[in-house]
Amino acid sequence: MEALGKDILSQSEIDSLIKALSSGRITETEKEDEKVEEYRNYDFRRPSKFSKEQIRTLQFLHDNYARSLTNFLAAYLRVPVQVQLASVSQVTYEEFVFSLPVPTLVTVFKMSEEMGSSLLETNPSFVFPIIDIVFGGSGQVPKYFREFTDIEITVMKQINSHLLDNLRYTWEDVAALVPRVETMDINPQFNQMFASTETVILLTFTTQIKENEGLINLCFPYITLEKIIPRLTSQYWFKQATRKSSRLNEKIVLEQVGEIEVELSAVLGRTLVTLDDFLQFREGDIIQLSQSEGDDLDVLVENQPLFKGQPGAVGQHLAVQITEWMDKEEAGSGG
């Protein structure tokens, strides 16, 4: 067997190896430096329609949404509230629906006319503390979850509408959302709005209202986001945010400039006189101007001609009424 380590085997050594293999004395051959590749199972029923960058952008967006919900709910309920984005995953609609408890509160809402419908699931562990606080309680959760009453669903419809309004602010740099509640149901398995194999983005949020922990799920079907998919990139998102910042800065500058005082004057007319005539002027002399009665006057801002106007009076004060902007040629020639 030492012959295995040599570069060349003799004929006798080859014959002995063949004989050993035939007799079964050698059942396994050692292979040096062999690496076993690892494989991962792939489910062809659930194709990946969202890229990693698109999922990452959705994660960035909804990290902000979680902070927005924290601020809103804390102010609305006046108790300590914490909302955090726990996970972003790509699943089928069927997997999402059958992962939900029964009963739970599923709100189907229209994102916009461009984008279609999505779902907001508010878990009983999230809903019942809110219901108790709204009706004057301390935020207690029942020992056993029960179905929601019509009054509780009506109250939660109003609160969920506020949650969706915060979603509009979160998405404003990507798409103009106009969220509108369409239906509310307590059994998600009865909701057959989408095909069971439809790919959806599932965003799960953990909530804490006082000492009560709960869950919120947002479900965005691919068919709903399909038209705005190209915008779900960090490059597009940051570009829009920069534009928004630029518009805000421009607005601030204009507001500041608007408070600055400027000198406004109106030219009643012009004429040319000789220096000798000028030296002879006396009180009461009449000087003929180029302006005729009824002609518009040149109105100057900081000695720059910008408007045309008509002279007049307001009470005991002289005034000028702006009639039009001066055209560029006249303004450039100084009137």
Protein backbone atom coordinates (compact mmCIF):
# COMPACT_ATOMS: atom_id res chain seq x y z
CA MET A 1 0.00 0.00 0.00
CA GLU A 2 2.99 2.31 0.32
CA ALA A 3 3.11 2.36 -3.47
CA LEU A 4 0.10 4.75 -3.43
CA GLY A 5 2.41 7.58 -2.37
CA LYS A 6 4.76 7.13 -5.37
CA ASP A 7 4.49 9.05 -8.62
CA ILE A 8 4.64 5.89 -10.81
CA LEU A 9 3.25 2.42 -10.03
CA SER A 10 4.92 -0.71 -11.34
CA GLN A 11 2.90 -3.30 -13.20
CA SER A 12 2.99 -5.65 -10.22
CA GLU A 13 1.70 -2.93 -7.91
CA ILE A 14 -1.15 -2.17 -10.31
CA ASP A 15 -2.03 -5.87 -10.46
CA SER A 16 -2.05 -6.15 -6.67
CA LEU A 17 -4.38 -3.11 -6.36
CA ILE A 18 -6.80 -4.54 -8.87
CA LYS A 19 -6.78 -7.84 -7.02
CA ALA A 20 -7.41 -6.11 -3.67
CA LEU A 21 -10.35 -4.14 -5.10
CA SER A 22 -11.81 -7.32 -6.61
CA SER A 23 -11.57 -9.16 -3.30
CA GLY A 24 -13.26 -6.30 -1.40
CA ARG A 25 -10.30 -5.55 0.86
CA ILE A 26 -10.32 -1.94 -0.37
CA THR A 27 -13.81 -0.46 -0.15
CA GLU A 28 -13.06 3.27 0.00
CA THR A 29 -10.32 5.41 -1.49
CA GLU A 30 -9.10 8.40 0.45
CA LYS A 31 -9.09 11.68 -1.48
CA GLU A 32 -6.80 14.40 -0.33
CA ASP A 33 -7.77 18.09 -0.28
CA GLU A 34 -11.28 17.33 -1.49
CA LYS A 35 -13.90 19.96 -0.54
CA VAL A 36 -17.55 19.05 -0.27
CA GLU A 37 -19.75 21.79 -1.68
CA GLU A 38 -22.80 22.84 0.31
CA TYR A 39 -26.14 23.25 -1.45
CA ARG A 40 -29.27 25.10 -0.37
CA ASN A 41 -32.76 23.90 -1.21
CA TYR A 42 -34.71 26.22 -3.52
CA ASP A 43 -38.49 26.32 -3.70
CA PHE A 44 -39.46 26.99 -7.32
CA ARG A 45 -43.01 27.76 -6.24
CA ARG A 46 -41.74 30.95 -4.57
CA PRO A 47 -39.56 32.88 -7.02
CA SER A 48 -37.70 35.92 -5.71
CA LYS A 49 -39.22 38.96 -7.37
CA PHE A 50 -37.66 41.61 -5.13
CA SER A 51 -33.93 42.24 -5.29
CA LYS A 52 -31.80 42.61 -2.18
CA GLU A 53 -31.44 46.34 -2.80
CA GLN A 54 -35.21 46.80 -3.08
CA ILE A 55 -35.73 44.91 0.17
CA ARG A 56 -33.00 46.98 1.81
CA THR A 57 -34.68 50.21 0.65
CA LEU A 58 -38.01 49.05 2.07
CA GLN A 59 -36.21 48.34 5.33
CA PHE A 60 -34.78 51.88 5.44
CA LEU A 61 -38.19 53.37 4.71
CA HIS A 62 -39.97 51.41 7.40
CA ASP A 63 -37.34 51.96 10.06
CA ASN A 64 -38.50 55.57 9.73
CA TYR A 65 -42.11 54.40 9.78
CA ALA A 66 -41.54 52.59 13.08
CA ARG A 67 -40.19 55.80 14.63
CA SER A 68 -43.16 57.73 13.23
CA LEU A 69 -45.63 55.24 14.77
CA THR A 70 -43.82 55.44 18.11
CA ASN A 71 -44.26 59.22 18.21
CA PHE A 72 -47.88 59.12 17.05
CA LEU A 73 -49.10 56.38 19.40
CA ALA A 74 -47.28 57.84 22.41
CA ALA A 75 -48.96 61.21 21.79
CA TYR A 76 -52.36 59.67 20.96
CA LEU A 77 -52.55 57.25 23.90
CA ARG A 78 -50.41 59.32 26.33
CA VAL A 79 -48.59 56.22 27.56
CA PRO A 80 -45.08 54.87 26.86
CA VAL A 81 -45.01 53.23 23.41
CA GLN A 82 -42.19 51.61 21.45
CA VAL A 83 -42.46 50.34 17.84
CA GLN A 84 -39.55 48.66 16.04
CA LEU A 85 -39.13 46.99 12.67
CA ALA A 86 -38.33 43.35 13.43
CA SER A 87 -38.02 41.75 9.98
CA VAL A 88 -38.48 42.20 6.23
CA SER A 89 -39.13 39.00 4.30
CA GLN A 90 -40.31 37.81 0.90
CA VAL A 91 -43.06 35.17 1.17
CA THR A 92 -46.15 34.01 -0.66
CA TYR A 93 -49.55 35.48 0.15
CA GLU A 94 -50.70 32.06 1.35
CA GLU A 95 -47.81 31.80 3.81
CA PHE A 96 -48.61 35.25 5.17
CA VAL A 97 -52.33 34.56 5.64
CA PHE A 98 -51.90 31.19 7.34
CA SER A 99 -49.25 32.58 9.70
CA LEU A 100 -51.79 34.96 11.27
CA PRO A 101 -53.80 34.16 14.39
CA VAL A 102 -57.60 33.97 14.40
CA PRO A 103 -59.15 36.28 15.41
CA THR A 104 -57.01 39.21 14.33
CA LEU A 105 -57.79 42.52 12.67
CA VAL A 106 -56.88 42.74 8.97
CA THR A 107 -57.29 46.12 7.28
CA VAL A 108 -57.29 46.16 3.49
CA PHE A 109 -56.36 49.61 2.24
CA LYS A 110 -55.87 51.29 -1.11
CA MET A 111 -52.35 52.76 -1.32
CA SER A 112 -53.11 55.00 -4.32
CA GLU A 113 -54.83 54.82 -7.67
CA GLU A 114 -51.45 54.01 -9.22
CA MET A 115 -50.49 51.22 -6.84
CA GLY A 116 -53.57 49.25 -5.75
CA SER A 117 -54.26 47.56 -2.41
CA SER A 118 -52.20 46.21 0.50
CA LEU A 119 -52.90 44.84 3.98
CA LEU A 120 -52.26 46.01 7.53
CA GLU A 121 -52.62 43.33 10.22
CA THR A 122 -52.93 44.52 13.81
CA ASN A 123 -52.54 41.65 16.27
CA PRO A 124 -54.97 41.29 19.22
CA SER A 125 -52.01 41.78 21.58
CA PHE A 126 -51.62 45.23 19.96
CA VAL A 127 -55.32 46.08 19.62
CA PHE A 128 -56.71 45.21 23.07
CA PRO A 129 -54.37 47.49 25.11
CA ILE A 130 -55.31 50.38 22.80
CA ILE A 131 -59.03 49.64 23.11
CA ASP A 132 -58.75 49.50 26.91
CA ILE A 133 -56.86 52.83 27.06
CA VAL A 134 -59.24 54.59 24.65
CA PHE A 135 -62.21 53.58 26.83
CA GLY A 136 -60.57 54.86 30.00
CA GLY A 137 -58.70 51.76 31.18
CA SER A 138 -55.06 51.28 32.07
CA GLY A 139 -54.21 49.17 29.01
CA GLN A 140 -55.10 45.69 30.27
CA VAL A 141 -55.20 42.69 27.92
CA PRO A 142 -57.92 40.02 28.38
CA LYS A 143 -56.74 36.62 29.57
CA TYR A 144 -58.20 34.97 26.48
CA PHE A 145 -58.46 36.70 23.14
CA ARG A 146 -62.00 37.03 21.83
CA GLU A 147 -63.55 38.40 18.66
CA PHE A 148 -63.74 42.17 18.31
CA THR A 149 -67.05 43.94 18.74
CA ASP A 150 -68.46 46.31 16.12
CA ILE A 151 -67.68 49.30 18.35
CA GLU A 152 -64.07 48.16 18.80
CA ILE A 153 -63.66 47.68 15.03
CA THR A 154 -65.05 51.20 14.45
CA VAL A 155 -62.56 52.66 16.93
CA MET A 156 -59.67 50.74 15.38
CA LYS A 157 -60.69 51.86 11.89
CA GLN A 158 -60.08 55.45 12.97
CA ILE A 159 -56.76 54.59 14.64
CA ASN A 160 -55.58 52.48 11.68
CA SER A 161 -56.40 55.38 9.36
CA HIS A 162 -53.92 57.46 11.39
CA LEU A 163 -51.34 54.65 11.14
CA LEU A 164 -51.75 54.69 7.36
CA ASP A 165 -51.41 58.49 7.26
CA ASN A 166 -47.97 58.07 8.81
CA LEU A 167 -47.20 55.60 6.03
CA ARG A 168 -47.95 58.38 3.53
CA TYR A 169 -45.29 60.60 5.11
CA THR A 170 -42.78 57.73 5.10
CA TRP A 171 -43.23 57.04 1.36
CA GLU A 172 -43.37 60.64 0.13
CA ASP A 173 -39.83 60.51 -1.34
CA VAL A 174 -40.68 57.36 -3.34
CA ALA A 175 -44.37 57.57 -4.26
CA ALA A 176 -47.36 59.79 -3.51
CA LEU A 177 -49.61 57.61 -1.34
CA VAL A 178 -53.24 58.40 -0.56
CA PRO A 179 -54.07 55.51 1.85
CA ARG A 180 -57.76 54.74 2.20
CA VAL A 181 -59.30 51.94 4.28
CA GLU A 182 -61.41 49.64 2.10
CA THR A 183 -62.43 46.73 4.35
CA MET A 184 -61.69 45.32 7.80
CA ASP A 185 -61.97 41.63 8.68
CA ILE A 186 -61.27 39.49 11.75
CA ASN A 187 -60.52 36.25 9.85
CA PRO A 188 -57.64 36.70 7.37
CA GLN A 189 -58.24 33.27 5.83
CA PHE A 190 -61.49 34.54 4.32
CA ASN A 191 -59.61 37.27 2.48
CA GLN A 192 -58.91 36.08 -1.05
CA MET A 193 -57.90 39.37 -2.67
CA PHE A 194 -54.70 37.91 -4.13
CA ALA A 195 -53.62 34.57 -5.56
CA SER A 196 -52.17 32.23 -2.94
CA THR A 197 -48.87 32.08 -4.87
CA GLU A 198 -48.54 35.87 -5.20
CA THR A 199 -45.18 37.08 -3.88
CA VAL A 200 -45.49 39.66 -1.10
CA ILE A 201 -43.16 41.72 1.03
CA LEU A 202 -43.93 41.15 4.69
CA LEU A 203 -42.79 43.76 7.22
CA THR A 204 -43.20 42.74 10.85
CA PHE A 205 -43.10 45.32 13.65
CA THR A 206 -42.85 44.60 17.35
CA THR A 207 -44.82 46.92 19.62
CA GLN A 208 -44.78 47.65 23.32
CA ILE A 209 -47.62 49.64 24.87
CA LYS A 210 -46.76 50.08 28.56
CA GLU A 211 -45.81 46.48 29.51
CA ASN A 212 -47.86 44.79 26.74
CA GLU A 213 -46.00 43.41 23.72
CA GLY A 214 -47.71 43.03 20.36
CA LEU A 215 -47.21 42.77 16.60
CA ILE A 216 -48.11 44.72 13.48
CA ASN A 217 -47.69 43.28 9.97
CA LEU A 218 -47.64 45.19 6.70
CA CYS A 219 -48.13 43.12 3.55
CA PHE A 220 -47.25 44.63 0.15
CA PRO A 221 -48.08 42.30 -2.79
CA TYR A 222 -45.70 42.46 -5.74
CA ILE A 223 -48.57 43.32 -8.08
CA THR A 224 -49.28 46.41 -5.94
CA LEU A 225 -45.69 47.68 -6.00
CA GLU A 226 -44.89 46.61 -9.57
CA LYS A 227 -45.27 50.07 -11.13
CA ILE A 228 -42.96 51.79 -8.65
CA ILE A 229 -40.40 48.96 -8.28
CA PRO A 230 -37.69 50.95 -10.16
CA ARG A 231 -37.94 53.65 -7.48
CA LEU A 232 -37.11 51.23 -4.67
CA THR A 233 -33.40 51.88 -4.80
CA SER A 234 -31.26 53.76 -2.31
CA GLN A 235 -29.97 55.97 -5.14
CA TYR A 236 -33.49 57.10 -6.11
CA TRP A 237 -34.53 57.52 -2.48
CA PHE A 238 -31.54 59.67 -1.50
CA LYS A 239 -31.87 61.68 -4.71
CA GLN A 240 -35.48 62.54 -3.91
CA ALA A 241 -34.59 63.34 -0.31
CA THR A 242 -31.85 65.72 -1.55
CA ARG A 243 -34.30 67.44 -3.90
CA LYS A 244 -36.75 67.84 -1.05
CA SER A 245 -34.02 69.31 1.13
CA SER A 246 -33.06 71.74 -1.66
CA ARG A 247 -36.68 72.87 -2.04
CA LEU A 248 -36.91 73.36 1.72
CA ASN A 249 -33.71 75.43 1.76
CA GLU A 250 -35.00 77.52 -1.12
CA LYS A 251 -38.22 78.17 0.75
CA ILE A 252 -36.34 79.22 3.89
CA VAL A 253 -34.12 81.59 1.87
CA LEU A 254 -37.14 83.17 0.17
CA GLU A 255 -38.86 83.65 3.51
CA GLN A 256 -35.77 85.38 4.90
CA VAL A 257 -35.33 87.56 1.81
CA GLY A 258 -39.01 88.49 1.96
CA GLU A 259 -38.41 90.33 5.25
CA ILE A 260 -35.77 92.66 3.78
CA GLU A 261 -36.82 96.29 3.23
CA VAL A 262 -36.23 97.74 -0.27
CA GLU A 263 -36.58 101.24 -1.69
CA LEU A 264 -39.41 101.72 -4.17
CA SER A 265 -39.57 104.80 -6.41
CA ALA A 266 -41.52 106.02 -9.43
CA VAL A 267 -40.12 108.24 -12.19
CA LEU A 268 -42.63 110.96 -13.10
CA GLY A 269 -40.75 111.85 -16.28
CA ARG A 270 -37.42 112.83 -17.83
CA THR A 271 -36.02 115.78 -19.78
CA LEU A 272 -32.71 117.26 -20.95
CA VAL A 273 -31.65 120.81 -20.01
CA THR A 274 -28.46 122.76 -20.50
CA LEU A 275 -26.30 123.60 -17.53
CA ASP A 276 -27.01 127.29 -18.11
CA ASP A 277 -30.80 126.70 -17.95
CA PHE A 278 -30.35 124.54 -14.82
CA LEU A 279 -28.47 127.40 -13.08
CA GLN A 280 -31.31 129.79 -13.95
CA PHE A 281 -34.07 127.69 -12.37
CA ARG A 282 -36.22 129.55 -9.81
CA GLU A 283 -39.11 128.56 -7.56
CA GLY A 284 -42.31 128.37 -9.60
CA ASP A 285 -40.62 127.59 -12.92
CA ILE A 286 -42.34 124.92 -15.02
CA ILE A 287 -40.19 122.16 -16.53
CA GLN A 288 -41.60 120.24 -19.46
CA LEU A 289 -41.11 116.44 -19.14
CA SER A 290 -41.12 113.70 -21.78
CA GLN A 291 -44.05 111.96 -20.08
CA SER A 292 -47.57 112.65 -21.35
CA GLU A 293 -50.70 112.60 -19.19
CA GLY A 294 -52.01 109.05 -18.84
CA ASP A 295 -48.69 107.37 -19.71
CA ASP A 296 -47.41 104.65 -17.38
CA LEU A 297 -44.57 105.61 -15.06
CA ASP A 298 -41.39 103.61 -14.57
CA VAL A 299 -41.39 102.00 -11.11
CA LEU A 300 -37.94 101.21 -9.71
CA VAL A 301 -36.90 98.80 -6.94
CA GLU A 302 -33.49 99.70 -5.51
CA ASN A 303 -32.96 101.90 -8.62
CA GLN A 304 -33.65 98.93 -10.91
CA PRO A 305 -36.67 99.43 -13.26
CA LEU A 306 -39.06 96.49 -12.83
CA PHE A 307 -42.68 97.68 -13.21
CA LYS A 308 -44.99 100.07 -14.99
CA GLY A 309 -47.52 102.02 -12.96
CA GLN A 310 -50.08 104.82 -12.77
CA PRO A 311 -49.80 107.74 -10.31
CA GLY A 312 -52.59 108.39 -7.85
CA ALA A 313 -53.38 108.95 -4.16
CA VAL A 314 -54.49 106.91 -1.15
CA GLY A 315 -56.05 109.22 1.40
CA GLN A 316 -53.60 112.05 1.97
CA HIS A 317 -50.65 110.11 0.52
CA LEU A 318 -49.30 109.96 -3.01
CA ALA A 319 -49.36 106.43 -4.48
CA VAL A 320 -48.57 104.45 -7.60
CA GLN A 321 -50.61 101.52 -8.91
CA ILE A 322 -48.62 98.71 -10.56
CA THR A 323 -50.07 97.93 -13.96
CA GLU A 324 -47.58 95.45 -15.43
CA TRP A 325 -44.07 94.02 -15.35
CA MET A 326 -41.56 95.95 -17.47
CA ASP A 327 -40.26 93.88 -20.38
CA LYS A 328 -36.61 92.79 -20.34
CA GLU A 329 -35.48 95.24 -23.05
CA GLU A 330 -36.95 98.25 -21.25
CA ALA A 331 -35.61 97.10 -17.89
CA GLY A 332 -32.16 96.51 -19.37
CA SER A 333 -32.06 100.00 -20.91
CA GLY A 334 -33.08 101.60 -17.63
CA GLY A 335 -36.46 102.71 -18.97
